[in-house]
């Protein structure tokens, strides 16, 4: 398990699992709670169906029956979780305001500026962009994420040309770089954004849907 040093510095417990910690299939998989508990996270564990969009679930509102890709909470002694196997997991926190978020940012969510929407929603309930810290977990890197056609054009527009490069006649997208840019545009200080984890597609330490069509997912966990 990869503990988040970036969020630990502000007193927030957050981590990203690896394949050795065990994989989960969906929001109903009971192993997720076992993994979180073993790692010292509080229960209950909140997770939901993920839609590859920018829908928000503030867990105090009740069940996210329709699904969401942004989970937000001000509750203590609970944990938020999202699942990824190439998409980018983003964990966010304003420790002073007691607001945390877990974001599932695949390429479709990135096109919708899902990270920026998470920040805006956090601000609505008392967070301040100057105080928000973020960390990125393992995701597919630009080394393996080749894009073309409509996907390429949508990412180019969303990224404002950041994180897209050409190599050998093929275009590569860097989800972490694009989301980092979007968070900075939302007011986060560059020094408050951690990350730099290994590419899930390159490393067998992680589950990867692109590499082997894995049904398993890593967890990104955050709690106050």
C-alpha atoms as a PDB file:
ATOM      1  CA  UNK A   1       0.000   0.000   0.000  1.00  0.00           C
ATOM      2  CA  UNK A   2       1.232   3.471  -0.893  1.00  0.00           C
ATOM      3  CA  UNK A   3       0.618   5.974   1.898  1.00  0.00           C
ATOM      4  CA  UNK A   4       0.048   9.555   0.809  1.00  0.00           C
ATOM      5  CA  UNK A   5       2.901  11.631   2.216  1.00  0.00           C
ATOM      6  CA  UNK A   6       1.440  14.758   0.625  1.00  0.00           C
ATOM      7  CA  UNK A   7      -1.773  14.461   2.651  1.00  0.00           C
ATOM      8  CA  UNK A   8      -0.128  13.063   5.779  1.00  0.00           C
ATOM      9  CA  UNK A   9       1.732  16.380   6.060  1.00  0.00           C
ATOM     10  CA  UNK A  10      -1.607  18.114   6.745  1.00  0.00           C
ATOM     11  CA  UNK A  11      -2.842  15.393   9.093  1.00  0.00           C
ATOM     12  CA  UNK A  12      -5.084  13.515   6.660  1.00  0.00           C
ATOM     13  CA  UNK A  13      -4.981   9.717   6.385  1.00  0.00           C
ATOM     14  CA  UNK A  14      -4.886   8.671   2.726  1.00  0.00           C
ATOM     15  CA  UNK A  15      -3.416   5.801   0.710  1.00  0.00           C
ATOM     16  CA  UNK A  16      -3.461   3.951  -2.603  1.00  0.00           C
ATOM     17  CA  UNK A  17      -3.518   0.165  -2.706  1.00  0.00           C
ATOM     18  CA  UNK A  18      -1.403  -2.024  -4.980  1.00  0.00           C
ATOM     19  CA  UNK A  19      -2.097  -5.473  -6.391  1.00  0.00           C
ATOM     20  CA  UNK A  20      -0.460  -7.193  -3.405  1.00  0.00           C
ATOM     21  CA  UNK A  21      -3.103  -5.660  -1.123  1.00  0.00           C
ATOM     22  CA  UNK A  22      -5.846  -7.482  -3.026  1.00  0.00           C
ATOM     23  CA  UNK A  23      -8.213  -6.330  -5.744  1.00  0.00           C
ATOM     24  CA  UNK A  24     -11.895  -5.418  -5.656  1.00  0.00           C
ATOM     25  CA  UNK A  25     -14.373  -5.787  -8.499  1.00  0.00           C
ATOM     26  CA  UNK A  26     -17.052  -3.218  -7.699  1.00  0.00           C
ATOM     27  CA  UNK A  27     -18.695  -1.202  -4.944  1.00  0.00           C
ATOM     28  CA  UNK A  28     -20.310  -4.340  -3.513  1.00  0.00           C
ATOM     29  CA  UNK A  29     -17.075  -6.278  -3.002  1.00  0.00           C
ATOM     30  CA  UNK A  30     -16.688  -6.945   0.773  1.00  0.00           C
ATOM     31  CA  UNK A  31     -12.896  -7.115   0.448  1.00  0.00           C
ATOM     32  CA  UNK A  32     -12.766  -3.310   0.188  1.00  0.00           C
ATOM     33  CA  UNK A  33     -13.763  -2.863   3.823  1.00  0.00           C
ATOM     34  CA  UNK A  34     -11.260  -5.514   4.924  1.00  0.00           C
ATOM     35  CA  UNK A  35      -8.439  -3.779   3.037  1.00  0.00           C
ATOM     36  CA  UNK A  36      -9.371  -0.382   4.492  1.00  0.00           C
ATOM     37  CA  UNK A  37      -9.667  -1.731   8.032  1.00  0.00           C
ATOM     38  CA  UNK A  38      -6.309  -3.519   7.874  1.00  0.00           C
ATOM     39  CA  UNK A  39      -4.712  -0.242   6.766  1.00  0.00           C
ATOM     40  CA  UNK A  40      -6.106   1.627   9.767  1.00  0.00           C
ATOM     41  CA  UNK A  41      -8.943   3.464   8.041  1.00  0.00           C
ATOM     42  CA  UNK A  42     -12.239   4.064   9.820  1.00  0.00           C
ATOM     43  CA  UNK A  43     -15.447   2.336   8.802  1.00  0.00           C
ATOM     44  CA  UNK A  44     -17.973   2.880   7.325  1.00  0.00           C
ATOM     45  CA  UNK A  45     -16.374   2.891   3.908  1.00  0.00           C
ATOM     46  CA  UNK A  46     -18.227   4.959   1.325  1.00  0.00           C
ATOM     47  CA  UNK A  47     -18.002   4.009  -2.342  1.00  0.00           C
ATOM     48  CA  UNK A  48     -20.456   3.824  -5.220  1.00  0.00           C
ATOM     49  CA  UNK A  49     -20.891   2.917  -8.858  1.00  0.00           C
ATOM     50  CA  UNK A  50     -18.522   4.966 -11.033  1.00  0.00           C
ATOM     51  CA  UNK A  51     -19.760   6.539 -14.254  1.00  0.00           C
ATOM     52  CA  UNK A  52     -16.654   8.053 -15.937  1.00  0.00           C
ATOM     53  CA  UNK A  53     -18.243  11.484 -15.625  1.00  0.00           C
ATOM     54  CA  UNK A  54     -18.340  14.360 -13.134  1.00  0.00           C
ATOM     55  CA  UNK A  55     -21.280  13.519 -10.907  1.00  0.00           C
ATOM     56  CA  UNK A  56     -20.921  14.465  -7.237  1.00  0.00           C
ATOM     57  CA  UNK A  57     -21.935  12.479  -4.174  1.00  0.00           C
ATOM     58  CA  UNK A  58     -21.732  14.297  -0.858  1.00  0.00           C
ATOM     59  CA  UNK A  59     -22.035  11.307   1.451  1.00  0.00           C
ATOM     60  CA  UNK A  60     -24.035  13.243   4.057  1.00  0.00           C
ATOM     61  CA  UNK A  61     -26.859  13.383   1.519  1.00  0.00           C
ATOM     62  CA  UNK A  62     -27.431   9.620   1.638  1.00  0.00           C
ATOM     63  CA  UNK A  63     -26.971   6.888  -0.940  1.00  0.00           C
ATOM     64  CA  UNK A  64     -25.554   7.620  -4.399  1.00  0.00           C
ATOM     65  CA  UNK A  65     -27.988   5.312  -6.141  1.00  0.00           C
ATOM     66  CA  UNK A  66     -27.238   6.680  -9.597  1.00  0.00           C
ATOM     67  CA  UNK A  67     -23.469   6.579  -9.140  1.00  0.00           C
ATOM     68  CA  UNK A  68     -20.823   9.314  -9.010  1.00  0.00           C
ATOM     69  CA  UNK A  69     -17.152  10.001  -9.727  1.00  0.00           C
ATOM     70  CA  UNK A  70     -16.613  12.662  -7.053  1.00  0.00           C
ATOM     71  CA  UNK A  71     -17.131  11.641  -3.414  1.00  0.00           C
ATOM     72  CA  UNK A  72     -17.070  14.464  -0.851  1.00  0.00           C
ATOM     73  CA  UNK A  73     -17.468  14.450   2.911  1.00  0.00           C
ATOM     74  CA  UNK A  74     -17.167  16.501   6.093  1.00  0.00           C
ATOM     75  CA  UNK A  75     -17.854  13.462   8.259  1.00  0.00           C
ATOM     76  CA  UNK A  76     -15.194  12.226  10.650  1.00  0.00           C
ATOM     77  CA  UNK A  77     -14.411   8.607  11.411  1.00  0.00           C
ATOM     78  CA  UNK A  78     -15.372   7.357   7.956  1.00  0.00           C
ATOM     79  CA  UNK A  79     -13.518   6.698   4.711  1.00  0.00           C
ATOM     80  CA  UNK A  80     -14.110   7.573   1.061  1.00  0.00           C
ATOM     81  CA  UNK A  81     -12.944   5.155  -1.632  1.00  0.00           C
ATOM     82  CA  UNK A  82     -12.752   5.015  -5.396  1.00  0.00           C
ATOM     83  CA  UNK A  83     -11.564   2.156  -7.609  1.00  0.00           C
ATOM     84  CA  UNK A  84      -9.159   2.377 -10.538  1.00  0.00           C
ATOM     85  CA  UNK A  85      -7.196   0.129 -12.884  1.00  0.00           C
ATOM     86  CA  UNK A  86      -5.649   2.740 -15.233  1.00  0.00           C
ATOM     87  CA  UNK A  87      -7.835   5.790 -14.541  1.00  0.00           C
ATOM     88  CA  UNK A  88      -6.302   8.457 -12.306  1.00  0.00           C
ATOM     89  CA  UNK A  89      -7.293   8.467  -8.609  1.00  0.00           C
ATOM     90  CA  UNK A  90      -7.156  11.916  -7.004  1.00  0.00           C
ATOM     91  CA  UNK A  91      -7.481  12.520  -3.265  1.00  0.00           C
ATOM     92  CA  UNK A  92      -8.127  16.058  -2.007  1.00  0.00           C
ATOM     93  CA  UNK A  93      -8.334  17.611   1.443  1.00  0.00           C
ATOM     94  CA  UNK A  94      -8.688  20.926   3.240  1.00  0.00           C
ATOM     95  CA  UNK A  95      -7.783  19.835   6.751  1.00  0.00           C
ATOM     96  CA  UNK A  96      -8.699  23.180   8.348  1.00  0.00           C
ATOM     97  CA  UNK A  97     -12.223  23.060   6.897  1.00  0.00           C
ATOM     98  CA  UNK A  98     -12.532  19.318   7.462  1.00  0.00           C
ATOM     99  CA  UNK A  99     -13.482  18.650   3.838  1.00  0.00           C
ATOM    100  CA  UNK A 100     -12.171  15.670   1.862  1.00  0.00           C
ATOM    101  CA  UNK A 101     -12.813  14.301  -1.616  1.00  0.00           C
ATOM    102  CA  UNK A 102     -11.974  11.217  -3.669  1.00  0.00           C
ATOM    103  CA  UNK A 103     -12.084  11.646  -7.447  1.00  0.00           C
ATOM    104  CA  UNK A 104     -12.169   9.054 -10.237  1.00  0.00           C
ATOM    105  CA  UNK A 105     -10.555  10.755 -13.251  1.00  0.00           C
ATOM    106  CA  UNK A 106     -10.406   8.691 -16.410  1.00  0.00           C
ATOM    107  CA  UNK A 107     -10.035  10.393 -19.760  1.00  0.00           C
ATOM    108  CA  UNK A 108     -13.775  11.076 -20.013  1.00  0.00           C
ATOM    109  CA  UNK A 109     -13.842  12.608 -16.542  1.00  0.00           C
ATOM    110  CA  UNK A 110     -10.741  14.614 -17.363  1.00  0.00           C
ATOM    111  CA  UNK A 111     -12.473  16.010 -20.440  1.00  0.00           C
ATOM    112  CA  UNK A 112     -15.303  17.095 -18.124  1.00  0.00           C
ATOM    113  CA  UNK A 113     -12.772  18.761 -15.786  1.00  0.00           C
ATOM    114  CA  UNK A 114     -13.803  16.445 -12.950  1.00  0.00           C
ATOM    115  CA  UNK A 115     -10.971  17.516 -10.625  1.00  0.00           C
ATOM    116  CA  UNK A 116     -11.897  21.190 -10.940  1.00  0.00           C
ATOM    117  CA  UNK A 117     -15.542  20.358 -10.251  1.00  0.00           C
ATOM    118  CA  UNK A 118     -14.473  18.539  -7.102  1.00  0.00           C
ATOM    119  CA  UNK A 119     -12.585  21.635  -5.943  1.00  0.00           C
ATOM    120  CA  UNK A 120     -15.556  23.899  -6.708  1.00  0.00           C
ATOM    121  CA  UNK A 121     -17.890  21.645  -4.726  1.00  0.00           C
ATOM    122  CA  UNK A 122     -15.467  21.533  -1.794  1.00  0.00           C
ATOM    123  CA  UNK A 123     -15.357  25.335  -1.808  1.00  0.00           C
ATOM    124  CA  UNK A 124     -19.174  25.468  -1.705  1.00  0.00           C
ATOM    125  CA  UNK A 125     -19.102  23.698   1.656  1.00  0.00           C
ATOM    126  CA  UNK A 126     -16.304  25.669   3.266  1.00  0.00           C
ATOM    127  CA  UNK A 127     -12.970  24.661   1.729  1.00  0.00           C
ATOM    128  CA  UNK A 128     -10.478  27.187   0.404  1.00  0.00           C
ATOM    129  CA  UNK A 129      -8.367  26.464  -2.715  1.00  0.00           C
ATOM    130  CA  UNK A 130      -5.322  27.967  -0.980  1.00  0.00           C
ATOM    131  CA  UNK A 131      -5.586  25.265   1.690  1.00  0.00           C
ATOM    132  CA  UNK A 132      -6.573  22.291  -0.473  1.00  0.00           C
ATOM    133  CA  UNK A 133      -3.880  19.660  -0.916  1.00  0.00           C
ATOM    134  CA  UNK A 134      -4.073  16.885  -3.512  1.00  0.00           C
ATOM    135  CA  UNK A 135      -2.338  13.628  -4.257  1.00  0.00           C
ATOM    136  CA  UNK A 136      -2.417  11.405  -7.342  1.00  0.00           C
ATOM    137  CA  UNK A 137      -2.251   7.621  -7.174  1.00  0.00           C
ATOM    138  CA  UNK A 138      -1.060   5.082  -9.745  1.00  0.00           C
ATOM    139  CA  UNK A 139      -2.606   5.452 -13.204  1.00  0.00           C
ATOM    140  CA  UNK A 140      -1.727   4.756 -16.806  1.00  0.00           C
ATOM    141  CA  UNK A 141       1.196   6.941 -17.859  1.00  0.00           C
ATOM    142  CA  UNK A 142       1.785   8.787 -21.095  1.00  0.00           C
ATOM    143  CA  UNK A 143       4.226   6.012 -22.007  1.00  0.00           C
ATOM    144  CA  UNK A 144       1.288   3.633 -22.520  1.00  0.00           C
ATOM    145  CA  UNK A 145      -1.729   5.905 -23.029  1.00  0.00           C
ATOM    146  CA  UNK A 146      -1.884   6.480 -26.778  1.00  0.00           C
ATOM    147  CA  UNK A 147      -4.893   8.428 -28.052  1.00  0.00           C
ATOM    148  CA  UNK A 148      -6.369   9.378 -31.399  1.00  0.00           C
ATOM    149  CA  UNK A 149      -9.572  10.545 -33.033  1.00  0.00           C
ATOM    150  CA  UNK A 150     -12.276  12.081 -30.868  1.00  0.00           C
ATOM    151  CA  UNK A 151     -10.514  11.147 -27.630  1.00  0.00           C
ATOM    152  CA  UNK A 152      -7.413  13.073 -28.703  1.00  0.00           C
ATOM    153  CA  UNK A 153      -9.373  16.144 -29.765  1.00  0.00           C
ATOM    154  CA  UNK A 154     -11.431  16.257 -26.577  1.00  0.00           C
ATOM    155  CA  UNK A 155      -8.363  15.911 -24.376  1.00  0.00           C
ATOM    156  CA  UNK A 156      -6.544  18.605 -26.342  1.00  0.00           C
ATOM    157  CA  UNK A 157      -9.383  21.039 -25.676  1.00  0.00           C
ATOM    158  CA  UNK A 158      -9.683  20.114 -22.009  1.00  0.00           C
ATOM    159  CA  UNK A 159      -5.934  20.198 -21.430  1.00  0.00           C
ATOM    160  CA  UNK A 160      -5.281  23.458 -23.285  1.00  0.00           C
ATOM    161  CA  UNK A 161      -2.458  21.520 -24.988  1.00  0.00           C
ATOM    162  CA  UNK A 162      -0.884  20.484 -21.675  1.00  0.00           C
ATOM    163  CA  UNK A 163       0.009  16.805 -21.291  1.00  0.00           C
ATOM    164  CA  UNK A 164      -0.325  15.821 -24.969  1.00  0.00           C
ATOM    165  CA  UNK A 165       2.750  14.940 -27.006  1.00  0.00           C
ATOM    166  CA  UNK A 166       3.593  13.114 -30.232  1.00  0.00           C
ATOM    167  CA  UNK A 167       6.159  10.347 -30.472  1.00  0.00           C
ATOM    168  CA  UNK A 168       6.789   8.235 -33.558  1.00  0.00           C
ATOM    169  CA  UNK A 169       3.632   9.427 -35.226  1.00  0.00           C
ATOM    170  CA  UNK A 170       1.413   8.513 -32.256  1.00  0.00           C
ATOM    171  CA  UNK A 171      -0.128  10.868 -29.705  1.00  0.00           C
ATOM    172  CA  UNK A 172       0.275  10.212 -26.002  1.00  0.00           C
ATOM    173  CA  UNK A 173      -1.757  11.709 -23.162  1.00  0.00           C
ATOM    174  CA  UNK A 174      -0.576  12.309 -19.607  1.00  0.00           C
ATOM    175  CA  UNK A 175      -3.665  12.221 -17.371  1.00  0.00           C
ATOM    176  CA  UNK A 176      -1.692  13.296 -14.309  1.00  0.00           C
ATOM    177  CA  UNK A 177      -0.229  16.340 -16.073  1.00  0.00           C
ATOM    178  CA  UNK A 178      -3.625  17.387 -17.427  1.00  0.00           C
ATOM    179  CA  UNK A 179      -5.360  17.055 -14.067  1.00  0.00           C
ATOM    180  CA  UNK A 180      -2.487  18.835 -12.337  1.00  0.00           C
ATOM    181  CA  UNK A 181      -2.968  21.734 -14.764  1.00  0.00           C
ATOM    182  CA  UNK A 182      -6.719  21.770 -14.145  1.00  0.00           C
ATOM    183  CA  UNK A 183      -6.218  21.814 -10.370  1.00  0.00           C
ATOM    184  CA  UNK A 184      -3.796  24.710 -10.645  1.00  0.00           C
ATOM    185  CA  UNK A 185      -6.327  26.556 -12.793  1.00  0.00           C
ATOM    186  CA  UNK A 186      -8.798  25.978  -9.937  1.00  0.00           C
ATOM    187  CA  UNK A 187      -6.517  27.792  -7.502  1.00  0.00           C
ATOM    188  CA  UNK A 188      -4.425  25.023  -5.938  1.00  0.00           C
ATOM    189  CA  UNK A 189      -0.813  25.887  -5.254  1.00  0.00           C
ATOM    190  CA  UNK A 190       1.563  23.734  -7.344  1.00  0.00           C
ATOM    191  CA  UNK A 191       3.442  22.693  -4.210  1.00  0.00           C
ATOM    192  CA  UNK A 192       0.186  21.352  -2.749  1.00  0.00           C
ATOM    193  CA  UNK A 193      -0.246  18.745  -5.510  1.00  0.00           C
ATOM    194  CA  UNK A 194       1.597  15.470  -4.966  1.00  0.00           C
ATOM    195  CA  UNK A 195       1.891  12.478  -7.266  1.00  0.00           C
ATOM    196  CA  UNK A 196       4.288  10.757  -9.578  1.00  0.00           C
ATOM    197  CA  UNK A 197       3.270   7.144  -9.025  1.00  0.00           C
ATOM    198  CA  UNK A 198       4.224   4.316 -11.390  1.00  0.00           C
ATOM    199  CA  UNK A 199       2.332   3.617 -14.606  1.00  0.00           C
ATOM    200  CA  UNK A 200      -0.271   0.915 -13.933  1.00  0.00           C
ATOM    201  CA  UNK A 201       0.090  -0.453 -17.456  1.00  0.00           C
ATOM    202  CA  UNK A 202       3.889  -0.819 -17.201  1.00  0.00           C
ATOM    203  CA  UNK A 203       4.099  -2.160 -13.671  1.00  0.00           C
ATOM    204  CA  UNK A 204       2.798  -5.578 -12.669  1.00  0.00           C
ATOM    205  CA  UNK A 205       2.598  -4.219  -9.108  1.00  0.00           C
ATOM    206  CA  UNK A 206      -0.725  -2.717 -10.195  1.00  0.00           C
ATOM    207  CA  UNK A 207      -3.896  -3.932 -11.857  1.00  0.00           C
ATOM    208  CA  UNK A 208      -4.335  -2.629 -15.414  1.00  0.00           C
ATOM    209  CA  UNK A 209      -7.394  -2.910 -17.589  1.00  0.00           C
ATOM    210  CA  UNK A 210      -5.509  -1.857 -20.708  1.00  0.00           C
ATOM    211  CA  UNK A 211      -2.632  -4.293 -20.187  1.00  0.00           C
ATOM    212  CA  UNK A 212      -4.562  -7.469 -19.396  1.00  0.00           C
ATOM    213  CA  UNK A 213      -8.288  -6.605 -19.254  1.00  0.00           C
ATOM    214  CA  UNK A 214      -8.121  -7.134 -15.501  1.00  0.00           C
ATOM    215  CA  UNK A 215     -11.472  -7.203 -13.694  1.00  0.00           C
ATOM    216  CA  UNK A 216      -9.698  -6.120 -10.501  1.00  0.00           C
ATOM    217  CA  UNK A 217      -9.324  -2.588  -9.231  1.00  0.00           C
ATOM    218  CA  UNK A 218      -7.032  -0.742  -6.836  1.00  0.00           C
ATOM    219  CA  UNK A 219      -8.505   1.435  -4.085  1.00  0.00           C
ATOM    220  CA  UNK A 220      -7.785   5.068  -3.295  1.00  0.00           C
ATOM    221  CA  UNK A 221      -8.723   5.757   0.344  1.00  0.00           C
ATOM    222  CA  UNK A 222      -9.068   8.971   2.355  1.00  0.00           C
ATOM    223  CA  UNK A 223     -10.518   9.780   5.762  1.00  0.00           C
ATOM    224  CA  UNK A 224     -10.452  12.399   8.500  1.00  0.00           C
END
